[in-house]
Protein backbone atom coordinates (compact mmCIF):
# COMPACT_ATOMS: atom_id res chain seq x y z
CA MET A 1 -32.47 -72.26 19.47
CA GLU A 2 -32.21 -75.86 17.90
CA HIS A 3 -29.21 -75.69 15.34
CA ASN A 4 -30.03 -76.14 11.81
CA PRO A 5 -27.25 -78.54 10.09
CA LYS A 6 -28.31 -76.91 6.68
CA GLU A 7 -26.37 -73.57 7.97
CA ILE A 8 -22.97 -75.34 7.90
CA LYS A 9 -23.82 -77.41 4.65
CA PRO A 10 -21.01 -76.19 2.51
CA GLU A 11 -18.25 -76.47 5.50
CA GLY A 12 -19.52 -79.61 6.52
CA LYS A 13 -19.05 -81.02 2.87
CA ARG A 14 -15.08 -79.42 3.03
CA PHE A 15 -14.84 -81.09 6.40
CA ARG A 16 -15.87 -84.32 4.98
CA LEU A 17 -13.53 -84.11 1.80
CA VAL A 18 -10.84 -83.35 4.84
CA LYS A 19 -11.68 -86.75 6.88
CA PHE A 20 -11.71 -88.37 3.70
CA PHE A 21 -8.26 -87.59 2.97
CA ALA A 22 -7.28 -88.17 6.17
CA TYR A 23 -8.68 -92.11 6.06
CA MET A 24 -6.99 -92.40 2.34
CA SER A 25 -3.55 -91.15 3.88
CA PHE A 26 -4.08 -93.60 7.10
CA ILE A 27 -4.12 -96.28 4.23
CA ILE A 28 -1.15 -95.14 1.78
CA LEU A 29 0.65 -94.84 4.93
CA ILE A 30 0.39 -98.27 6.36
CA VAL A 31 0.64 -99.41 2.21
CA SER A 32 4.16 -97.18 2.30
CA SER A 33 5.25 -98.41 5.73
CA PHE A 34 4.67 -102.29 4.73
CA ALA A 35 6.85 -101.61 1.76
CA LEU A 36 9.40 -99.60 3.08
CA SER A 37 9.63 -102.46 5.49
CA MET A 38 9.91 -104.93 2.61
CA VAL A 39 12.80 -102.92 0.72
CA ILE A 40 14.78 -103.19 4.15
CA TYR A 41 14.04 -106.68 4.49
CA ARG A 42 15.50 -107.31 0.80
CA GLN A 43 18.43 -104.90 1.29
CA SER A 44 19.20 -106.51 5.13
CA THR A 45 18.76 -110.10 3.00
CA LYS A 46 21.36 -108.91 0.47
CA VAL A 47 24.00 -107.37 2.92
CA LEU A 48 23.88 -110.81 4.48
CA MET A 49 23.64 -112.67 1.97
CA LYS A 50 26.86 -110.98 0.50
CA THR A 51 28.61 -111.09 4.00
CA TYR A 52 28.03 -114.87 4.37
CA GLU A 53 29.16 -115.65 1.19
CA ASN A 54 32.34 -113.44 1.70
CA HIS A 55 32.76 -115.55 4.90
CA ALA A 56 32.09 -118.52 2.39
CA LEU A 57 34.84 -117.87 0.14
CA LEU A 58 37.11 -116.92 2.74
CA LEU A 59 36.44 -120.18 4.70
CA ALA A 60 37.37 -121.99 1.12
CA ASN A 61 40.44 -120.80 0.11
CA ASN A 62 41.56 -121.95 3.73
CA LEU A 63 40.23 -124.81 3.48
CA ASN A 64 42.23 -125.17 -0.19
CA HIS A 65 45.22 -124.49 1.13
CA GLN A 66 44.70 -127.05 4.07
CA VAL A 67 43.62 -129.85 2.44
CA PHE A 68 46.01 -129.26 -1.20
CA HIS A 69 49.06 -128.76 1.25
CA TYR A 70 48.09 -131.31 4.21
CA PHE A 71 45.53 -133.49 2.21
CA THR A 72 46.25 -134.18 -1.57
CA ILE A 73 50.42 -133.58 -1.61
CA PRO A 74 50.85 -136.13 1.07
CA VAL A 75 48.64 -138.47 0.38
CA ARG A 76 49.61 -138.37 -3.35
CA TYR A 77 53.36 -139.56 -1.97
CA GLN A 78 52.30 -141.74 0.56
CA TYR A 79 49.53 -143.57 -1.61
CA GLY A 80 50.44 -142.69 -5.06
CA LYS A 81 46.50 -141.56 -5.89
CA ILE A 82 43.82 -140.21 -3.81
CA SER A 83 41.17 -142.80 -2.65
CA LEU A 84 38.97 -141.25 -0.10
CA ARG A 85 37.05 -144.95 0.16
CA GLU A 86 39.98 -145.74 1.73
CA LYS A 87 39.43 -145.03 5.70
CA GLU A 88 42.26 -143.50 6.51
CA GLN A 89 42.69 -140.98 3.70
CA PHE A 90 38.82 -140.61 4.77
CA ASP A 91 39.54 -139.88 8.32
CA LEU A 92 42.29 -137.49 7.33
CA MET A 93 39.98 -135.45 5.38
CA ASP A 94 37.74 -135.32 7.33
CA LYS A 95 39.98 -134.22 10.58
CA ILE A 96 41.67 -131.37 8.45
CA VAL A 97 38.25 -130.31 7.10
CA ARG A 98 36.74 -130.28 10.46
CA THR A 99 39.16 -128.59 12.32
CA THR A 100 39.66 -125.92 9.27
CA ILE A 101 35.71 -125.24 9.71
CA HIS A 102 35.90 -125.23 13.99
CA ALA A 103 33.63 -122.45 15.62
CA LEU A 104 32.87 -121.09 11.97
CA ASN A 105 29.17 -121.50 11.76
CA ILE A 106 29.40 -123.92 8.92
CA GLU A 107 26.50 -126.27 8.74
CA LYS A 108 28.36 -129.00 6.35
CA VAL A 109 31.14 -128.94 4.03
CA ASN A 110 31.22 -130.97 0.54
CA ILE A 111 34.13 -131.89 -2.05
CA TYR A 112 32.63 -132.90 -4.98
CA ASP A 113 34.68 -135.21 -8.19
CA THR A 114 35.25 -133.13 -11.10
CA GLN A 115 34.58 -136.31 -13.58
CA LYS A 116 30.56 -137.51 -12.30
CA GLY A 117 29.82 -134.68 -9.85
CA GLN A 118 29.83 -137.22 -7.04
CA ILE A 119 30.41 -136.26 -3.64
CA ALA A 120 33.88 -137.71 -2.63
CA TYR A 121 33.39 -136.54 0.86
CA SER A 122 31.24 -134.32 3.30
CA THR A 123 31.24 -133.78 7.00
CA ASP A 124 27.52 -135.60 6.59
CA LYS A 125 28.74 -139.34 5.87
CA ASP A 126 25.24 -139.87 4.29
CA LEU A 127 25.66 -138.00 1.66
CA VAL A 128 28.85 -139.91 0.23
CA GLY A 129 28.71 -140.61 -2.88
CA SER A 130 25.88 -138.91 -3.85
CA ILE A 131 25.70 -137.74 -7.72
CA GLY A 132 23.98 -134.83 -9.34
CA ARG A 133 23.39 -132.50 -6.16
CA GLY A 134 25.48 -129.53 -7.21
CA GLY A 135 23.63 -128.28 -10.26
CA MET A 136 24.07 -124.71 -11.70
CA GLY A 137 26.72 -123.95 -9.01
CA TYR A 138 28.55 -126.96 -9.38
CA LYS A 139 28.90 -126.52 -13.25
CA MET A 140 30.00 -123.18 -12.56
CA ALA A 141 32.68 -123.88 -10.11
CA LEU A 142 34.47 -126.15 -12.62
CA GLU A 143 34.74 -123.32 -15.19
CA GLY A 144 36.74 -121.78 -12.09
CA ASN A 145 33.65 -119.11 -10.49
CA TYR A 146 32.09 -119.63 -7.49
CA SER A 147 28.53 -118.84 -7.11
CA SER A 148 26.21 -118.80 -4.20
CA ARG A 149 22.36 -119.86 -3.27
CA LEU A 150 20.19 -119.15 -0.73
CA ILE A 151 17.89 -121.94 -0.01
CA SER A 152 14.76 -122.06 2.06
CA ARG A 153 11.77 -124.56 3.56
CA GLU A 154 8.78 -122.33 3.74
CA ASP A 155 5.95 -123.17 6.36
CA SER A 156 3.34 -122.21 3.12
CA PHE A 157 2.91 -120.79 -0.31
CA LEU A 158 1.65 -117.23 1.42
CA GLY A 159 5.02 -117.41 3.85
CA THR A 160 7.14 -117.93 0.37
CA TRP A 161 5.60 -114.65 -1.56
CA LEU A 162 4.60 -112.62 0.94
CA MET A 163 6.23 -112.24 4.47
CA ASP A 164 9.13 -114.77 3.93
CA PHE A 165 7.73 -117.02 7.23
CA ALA A 166 10.68 -119.90 6.35
CA LYS A 167 11.66 -122.03 8.88
CA GLU A 168 14.73 -122.93 7.21
CA LYS A 169 17.40 -120.39 5.51
CA LYS A 170 20.74 -121.58 4.21
CA LEU A 171 23.41 -120.79 2.10
CA ARG A 172 24.99 -122.94 -0.52
CA THR A 173 28.32 -121.62 -1.95
CA PHE A 174 30.08 -123.43 -4.67
CA ILE A 175 34.33 -122.69 -4.76
CA PRO A 176 36.36 -124.45 -7.33
CA PHE A 177 39.31 -126.66 -5.72
CA LYS A 178 42.29 -125.64 -7.10
CA ALA A 179 45.82 -126.89 -7.12
CA GLU A 180 48.41 -124.01 -5.62
CA PRO A 181 51.63 -122.62 -6.61
CA PRO A 182 54.02 -124.53 -7.70
CA TYR A 183 51.70 -126.58 -8.84
CA SER A 184 48.94 -124.45 -10.20
CA TYR A 185 49.30 -126.01 -13.96
CA ILE A 186 47.16 -129.00 -12.55
CA GLY A 187 44.03 -127.18 -12.37
CA ILE A 188 41.30 -127.57 -10.83
CA LEU A 189 40.99 -130.80 -8.65
CA GLY A 190 37.42 -130.75 -7.48
CA VAL A 191 34.61 -128.33 -5.87
CA PHE A 192 34.05 -127.61 -2.65
CA GLU A 193 30.33 -126.91 -1.36
CA VAL A 194 29.80 -124.89 1.96
CA ILE A 195 26.47 -125.00 3.50
CA GLN A 196 25.58 -122.26 5.89
CA ASP A 197 22.69 -122.26 8.80
CA LEU A 198 21.25 -118.38 8.22
CA THR A 199 17.98 -119.19 9.78
CA ASN A 200 18.70 -117.12 13.21
CA GLU A 201 19.98 -114.59 11.52
CA TYR A 202 16.92 -114.09 8.95
CA GLU A 203 14.72 -114.15 12.24
CA SER A 204 16.40 -111.29 13.50
CA ILE A 205 16.40 -109.63 10.14
CA LEU A 206 12.09 -110.41 10.66
CA ARG A 207 11.95 -109.24 13.95
CA PHE A 208 13.53 -105.96 12.97
CA ARG A 209 11.36 -105.45 9.89
CA TYR A 210 8.27 -106.46 12.00
CA LEU A 211 9.51 -103.39 14.71
CA ILE A 212 9.73 -101.08 11.86
CA PHE A 213 6.40 -101.74 10.19
CA GLY A 214 4.79 -101.86 13.41
CA VAL A 215 6.75 -98.40 14.83
CA SER A 216 6.37 -97.36 11.53
CA LEU A 217 2.51 -97.89 12.03
CA LEU A 218 1.74 -96.79 15.56
CA VAL A 219 3.58 -93.54 14.11
CA MET A 220 0.65 -92.72 11.21
CA PHE A 221 -1.78 -94.00 13.42
CA LEU A 222 -0.99 -91.31 16.15
CA ILE A 223 -0.63 -88.86 13.10
CA PHE A 224 -4.19 -90.34 11.85
CA LEU A 225 -5.63 -89.84 15.35
CA ALA A 226 -4.35 -86.20 15.58
CA LEU A 227 -5.45 -84.93 12.43
CA LEU A 228 -8.79 -86.55 12.85
CA LEU A 229 -9.00 -84.77 16.31
CA VAL A 230 -8.17 -81.80 14.71
CA VAL A 231 -10.27 -82.55 11.81
CA ARG A 232 -13.20 -83.17 14.90
CA LYS A 233 -12.53 -80.05 16.82
CA ALA A 234 -12.75 -77.60 13.77
CA GLU A 235 -15.95 -79.40 12.63
CA ARG A 236 -17.64 -78.89 16.34
CA THR A 237 -16.10 -75.07 16.25
CA LEU A 238 -17.76 -74.30 13.00
CA ALA A 239 -20.57 -75.74 13.92
CA LYS A 240 -20.80 -73.72 16.97
CA ARG A 241 -19.84 -70.32 15.40
CA ALA A 242 -22.47 -71.17 12.79
CA GLN A 243 -25.08 -71.52 15.92
CA GLU A 244 -23.96 -68.57 17.17
CA GLN A 245 -23.98 -66.80 13.73
CA LYS A 246 -27.38 -67.91 13.25
CA GLN A 247 -28.17 -67.07 16.81
CA LEU A 248 -27.32 -63.22 16.52
CA GLU A 249 -28.85 -62.94 12.82
CA ASP A 250 -32.15 -64.07 14.92
CA GLN A 251 -32.12 -61.64 17.53
CA LEU A 252 -30.82 -58.85 15.59
CA ASN A 253 -33.86 -59.79 13.16
CA GLN A 254 -35.92 -59.70 16.49
CA ALA A 255 -34.65 -56.57 17.21
CA GLU A 256 -35.49 -54.99 14.54
CA ARG A 257 -39.27 -56.28 14.28
CA LEU A 258 -39.40 -55.65 17.77
CA ALA A 259 -38.17 -51.83 17.10
CA VAL A 260 -40.62 -51.29 14.70
CA LEU A 261 -43.38 -53.35 16.54
CA GLY A 262 -42.45 -50.66 19.15
CA GLU A 263 -42.86 -47.69 17.18
CA MET A 264 -46.56 -49.07 16.55
CA VAL A 265 -47.13 -49.93 19.66
CA ALA A 266 -45.83 -46.47 21.38
CA GLY A 267 -47.83 -44.79 18.96
CA VAL A 268 -51.58 -46.56 18.94
CA SER A 269 -50.94 -46.58 22.87
CA HIS A 270 -50.34 -42.98 23.42
CA GLU A 271 -53.54 -42.24 21.27
CA ILE A 272 -55.38 -44.86 23.07
CA LYS A 273 -54.52 -43.74 26.54
CA ASN A 274 -55.51 -40.23 26.55
CA PRO A 275 -59.47 -41.54 25.32
CA LEU A 276 -59.30 -44.17 27.80
CA GLY A 277 -58.86 -41.60 30.76
CA ILE A 278 -61.68 -39.65 29.78
CA ILE A 279 -63.57 -43.08 29.58
CA ARG A 280 -62.40 -43.69 32.94
CA SER A 281 -63.31 -40.36 34.60
CA THR A 282 -66.73 -40.22 32.70
CA ALA A 283 -67.48 -43.55 33.96
CA GLU A 284 -66.37 -42.87 37.82
CA LEU A 285 -68.67 -39.56 37.05
CA LEU A 286 -71.64 -41.55 35.92
CA ALA A 287 -71.05 -43.97 39.14
CA GLU A 288 -71.19 -41.26 41.70
CA LYS A 289 -74.48 -39.78 39.67
CA SER A 290 -76.30 -42.98 39.38
CA ALA A 291 -75.91 -43.96 43.30
CA HIS A 292 -79.43 -44.42 44.00
CA ASP A 293 -79.44 -47.02 40.42
CA GLN A 294 -78.23 -49.96 41.12
CA GLU A 295 -78.10 -51.32 38.04
CA LYS A 296 -76.81 -47.71 36.56
CA GLU A 297 -73.72 -47.61 38.88
CA LYS A 298 -72.85 -51.80 38.71
CA LEU A 299 -72.62 -50.85 34.58
CA SER A 300 -70.07 -48.27 35.45
CA SER A 301 -68.15 -49.81 37.86
CA ILE A 302 -67.92 -52.78 35.23
CA ILE A 303 -66.29 -49.33 32.77
CA VAL A 304 -64.50 -48.28 35.59
CA GLU A 305 -62.85 -52.08 36.06
CA GLU A 306 -61.92 -52.67 32.28
CA SER A 307 -60.74 -49.27 31.76
CA GLY A 308 -57.96 -49.77 34.54
CA ARG A 309 -57.65 -53.03 33.14
CA LEU A 310 -56.88 -51.62 29.76
CA ASN A 311 -54.96 -48.41 30.92
CA GLY A 312 -52.99 -51.46 32.54
CA ILE A 313 -52.28 -53.42 29.20
CA VAL A 314 -51.68 -50.02 27.37
CA THR A 315 -49.00 -49.02 30.01
CA ASP A 316 -47.30 -52.56 29.52
CA PHE A 317 -47.20 -51.72 25.92
CA LEU A 318 -45.51 -48.40 26.48
CA ASP A 319 -43.01 -49.40 28.71
CA PHE A 320 -41.75 -52.21 26.42
CA ALA A 321 -41.89 -50.65 23.57
CA ARG A 322 -40.01 -47.33 25.07
CA PRO A 323 -38.41 -49.14 28.15
CA GLN A 324 -36.78 -46.51 30.84
CA VAL A 325 -33.44 -45.82 31.10
CA PRO A 326 -32.74 -46.81 34.72
CA ASP A 327 -31.93 -43.94 37.33
CA LEU A 328 -29.21 -45.86 39.39
CA GLN A 329 -28.80 -44.95 42.90
CA GLU A 330 -27.28 -46.70 45.53
CA CYS A 331 -30.07 -48.90 47.62
CA ASP A 332 -30.63 -52.00 49.30
CA LEU A 333 -32.09 -55.12 47.43
CA GLU A 334 -33.56 -56.65 50.47
CA ASP A 335 -35.72 -53.46 51.40
CA ILE A 336 -37.26 -53.67 47.84
CA ILE A 337 -38.15 -57.13 48.24
CA GLU A 338 -39.17 -57.15 51.36
CA ARG A 339 -41.62 -53.56 49.95
CA ASN A 340 -42.85 -55.90 47.19
CA VAL A 341 -44.47 -58.25 49.48
CA THR A 342 -45.60 -56.10 52.21
CA PHE A 343 -47.32 -54.67 49.26
CA LEU A 344 -48.49 -58.45 48.02
CA GLN A 345 -49.04 -59.68 51.84
CA THR A 346 -52.98 -59.49 51.93
CA GLU A 347 -53.18 -61.09 48.21
CA MET A 348 -51.19 -64.03 49.70
CA ASP A 349 -53.50 -64.35 52.78
CA LYS A 350 -56.33 -64.41 50.86
CA LYS A 351 -55.05 -66.91 47.92
CA GLY A 352 -52.97 -69.57 51.41
CA VAL A 353 -49.69 -68.48 50.26
CA ILE A 354 -47.31 -68.78 52.81
CA LEU A 355 -43.82 -66.77 52.76
CA ARG A 356 -40.60 -68.58 53.34
CA ASN A 357 -37.49 -67.04 54.05
CA GLY A 358 -34.63 -69.16 52.17
CA ASN A 359 -31.89 -67.78 53.58
CA PRO A 360 -32.09 -65.23 56.64
CA SER A 361 -29.46 -62.33 56.68
CA ASP A 362 -29.10 -59.49 58.86
CA ARG A 363 -26.68 -57.55 56.38
CA PRO A 364 -27.48 -55.39 53.74
CA TYR A 365 -27.37 -55.94 50.19
CA THR A 366 -26.25 -52.83 48.79
CA ILE A 367 -26.32 -52.59 44.50
CA GLN A 368 -26.50 -49.55 42.22
CA ALA A 369 -30.47 -49.51 40.48
CA ASP A 370 -33.24 -47.96 39.86
CA PRO A 371 -35.37 -48.86 43.05
CA ALA A 372 -39.18 -48.04 41.11
CA LEU A 373 -38.16 -50.20 38.39
CA LEU A 374 -36.45 -52.70 40.34
CA HIS A 375 -39.70 -53.03 42.44
CA ARG A 376 -41.71 -53.49 39.25
CA ALA A 377 -39.89 -56.23 37.82
CA PHE A 378 -39.99 -58.44 41.40
CA LEU A 379 -43.50 -57.12 41.54
CA ASN A 380 -44.29 -58.98 38.38
CA ILE A 381 -42.34 -62.08 39.24
CA PHE A 382 -44.07 -62.29 42.76
CA VAL A 383 -47.62 -61.56 40.96
CA ASN A 384 -47.00 -64.48 38.76
CA ALA A 385 -45.89 -67.01 41.53
CA ILE A 386 -48.97 -66.03 43.77
CA GLN A 387 -51.19 -66.31 40.47
CA ALA A 388 -49.67 -70.01 39.89
CA MET A 389 -50.63 -71.02 43.40
CA GLU A 390 -54.33 -70.61 43.30
CA LYS A 391 -55.27 -73.05 45.96
CA GLY A 392 -52.30 -72.12 48.13
CA GLY A 393 -48.63 -72.86 48.65
CA ASN A 394 -45.21 -71.79 49.60
CA LEU A 395 -43.22 -69.02 48.03
CA THR A 396 -39.39 -69.17 49.17
CA ILE A 397 -37.38 -65.93 48.53
CA GLY A 398 -33.42 -66.25 48.94
CA VAL A 399 -30.60 -63.91 48.26
CA GLU A 400 -27.15 -65.52 48.00
CA ALA A 401 -24.07 -63.15 47.46
CA GLY A 402 -21.44 -63.97 45.31
CA LYS A 403 -17.99 -62.35 44.28
CA GLU A 404 -19.42 -60.13 41.24
CA ASP A 405 -23.25 -60.15 42.26
CA TYR A 406 -25.88 -61.07 44.30
CA THR A 407 -28.56 -64.13 42.88
CA VAL A 408 -32.40 -63.67 43.93
CA ALA A 409 -34.14 -66.95 44.12
CA ILE A 410 -37.79 -67.29 43.90
CA GLU A 411 -39.55 -70.45 43.93
CA ASP A 412 -43.35 -71.30 43.90
CA THR A 413 -45.21 -74.66 44.25
CA GLY A 414 -47.30 -73.93 41.95
CA THR A 415 -48.84 -75.42 38.45
CA GLY A 416 -45.27 -74.92 36.85
CA ILE A 417 -44.06 -74.67 33.09
CA ARG A 418 -44.26 -76.99 30.27
CA GLN A 419 -40.93 -77.82 28.63
CA GLU A 420 -42.33 -76.27 25.10
CA ASN A 421 -43.66 -72.92 26.81
CA LEU A 422 -40.30 -72.65 28.84
CA ARG A 423 -38.11 -71.38 25.90
CA LYS A 424 -41.11 -68.91 24.66
CA ILE A 425 -41.75 -67.65 28.26
CA PHE A 426 -39.76 -64.37 27.68
CA SER A 427 -41.02 -63.88 24.38
CA PRO A 428 -43.13 -60.30 24.00
CA PHE A 429 -47.17 -61.19 23.55
CA PHE A 430 -46.23 -65.00 24.86
CA THR A 431 -48.80 -65.84 27.67
CA THR A 432 -50.53 -69.17 29.06
CA LYS A 433 -53.58 -66.48 30.55
CA GLU A 434 -56.69 -66.21 29.38
CA LYS A 435 -56.03 -62.17 30.17
CA GLY A 436 -52.76 -60.34 30.36
CA SER A 437 -50.52 -58.99 27.48
CA GLY A 438 -47.91 -61.20 27.45
CA LEU A 439 -45.76 -59.09 28.13
CA GLY A 440 -44.77 -59.26 31.94
CA LEU A 441 -41.87 -61.24 31.73
CA SER A 442 -40.49 -59.31 29.21
CA ILE A 443 -40.17 -56.26 31.12
CA VAL A 444 -39.11 -57.58 33.71
CA LYS A 445 -36.00 -58.91 31.49
CA ASN A 446 -36.07 -55.59 30.00
CA ILE A 447 -35.13 -53.78 33.18
CA ILE A 448 -32.69 -57.26 34.86
CA GLU A 449 -30.45 -56.77 31.83
CA GLY A 450 -30.60 -52.85 31.95
CA HIS A 451 -29.08 -53.21 35.16
CA ARG A 452 -26.92 -55.28 33.71
CA GLY A 453 -27.93 -58.21 35.38
CA LYS A 454 -29.40 -62.12 34.47
CA VAL A 455 -33.20 -63.64 34.54
CA TRP A 456 -33.51 -67.29 33.95
CA ILE A 457 -36.49 -69.63 34.52
CA GLU A 458 -36.62 -73.25 35.41
CA SER A 459 -39.74 -75.23 36.21
CA GLU A 460 -41.47 -78.48 36.27
CA ALA A 461 -45.03 -79.12 35.23
CA GLY A 462 -46.90 -79.92 38.47
CA VAL A 463 -44.17 -79.55 40.56
CA GLY A 464 -43.69 -75.60 40.74
CA THR A 465 -41.49 -72.81 39.18
CA THR A 466 -38.11 -70.93 40.24
CA VAL A 467 -36.81 -67.35 38.91
CA TYR A 468 -33.45 -66.44 39.21
CA VAL A 469 -32.18 -63.09 39.21
CA THR A 470 -28.75 -61.60 39.37
CA LEU A 471 -27.50 -57.88 39.46
CA PRO A 472 -23.87 -56.82 40.44
CA ARG A 473 -22.97 -55.83 43.43
CA LYS A 474 -21.80 -52.11 44.55
CA HIS A 475 -17.98 -51.84 44.22
């Protein structure tokens, strides 16, 4: 039976909505993961900046102490004034500064004067004498406040605003250079600028950020995939249940139709059977009385023959409409098949059909069954196989013993059955023969299923047909 997609249309819409929410949730989760990684990155940046700012302040306080006590005071007493243009003073300042910042990951230290904002000293000698480099940080330091600013050299505009791909990250901290007690009244002597290279630390934060984003993305994808698999499995389950429900409905409708049809057929067949018997008996009597009149005898024999054929059809109708309840008894499956073969041997010889034993065995195949009904079921199958081999062929019969049942395979090399007919082969009144009621295989199916067995057919047009029958073993 073909599945009709219209049967699950409402549920299909429902699951399409679920899939839509799954996709939207995945997109939202990706955006949320990116936003989360950005928040973590920004917060980590603030913490890093604050940490290094405190480090710079601590360094500046130490540098303030070292420069004031070991440079400013001694130089004042020795030279009367401070002039870093003189090599001896510059070298002394350089020695004190470099000793103080040694091994502290300080890239550069600049000292500004308080008059022109000129760099009086720098660990980078090329900057000595430069004016106007301090900016707002320098002005705030002159007022006694410290300040820090992060400076970057970016790869591109995209890197600046979106992903923060910076080639360099540096923290510039401006701290006032103050006179220490007992000379505090002198006030601010200059401005320290401490430059720290944070590029490696920022790269570590970026890698951590990408790791968070990657892991979040992977987790979200796995959750999305699991949700999608659940939805698809639910869709398949729903489709399967809808198909099963449709099949059950069709079977119920078919059973109701057959029940009504069976009652009608049984009534009509019963009414026909008795007059038909009278017609046959009368025809046989006329044939006996017309023994010397060939024409009358021929007509009488035709009536007898057709009456017999009609009686067979009516019997099929009655058997289909009122299937018999099997009278179960212990019997041998092989014996039932053998009696059918013996009965049809003459017909097989006549049509040139060669019988082949699929799997010869000496052991009995004991079952609980009604021998008469099974004999009729197999007879119908064998007759169909022989009729399919009008020009002769091979009829192979095999019995295979399973744990719970026996499987009988009846294979012929006849004309075969087309695929479009194969699906309807067990339908009542369906036949491809010119003569016949179309009830033979339907009766076979009723008999086999009445014995808790199964019957199915495999066939290929022009190649042949195999009928499989399974019957439960006697335990």
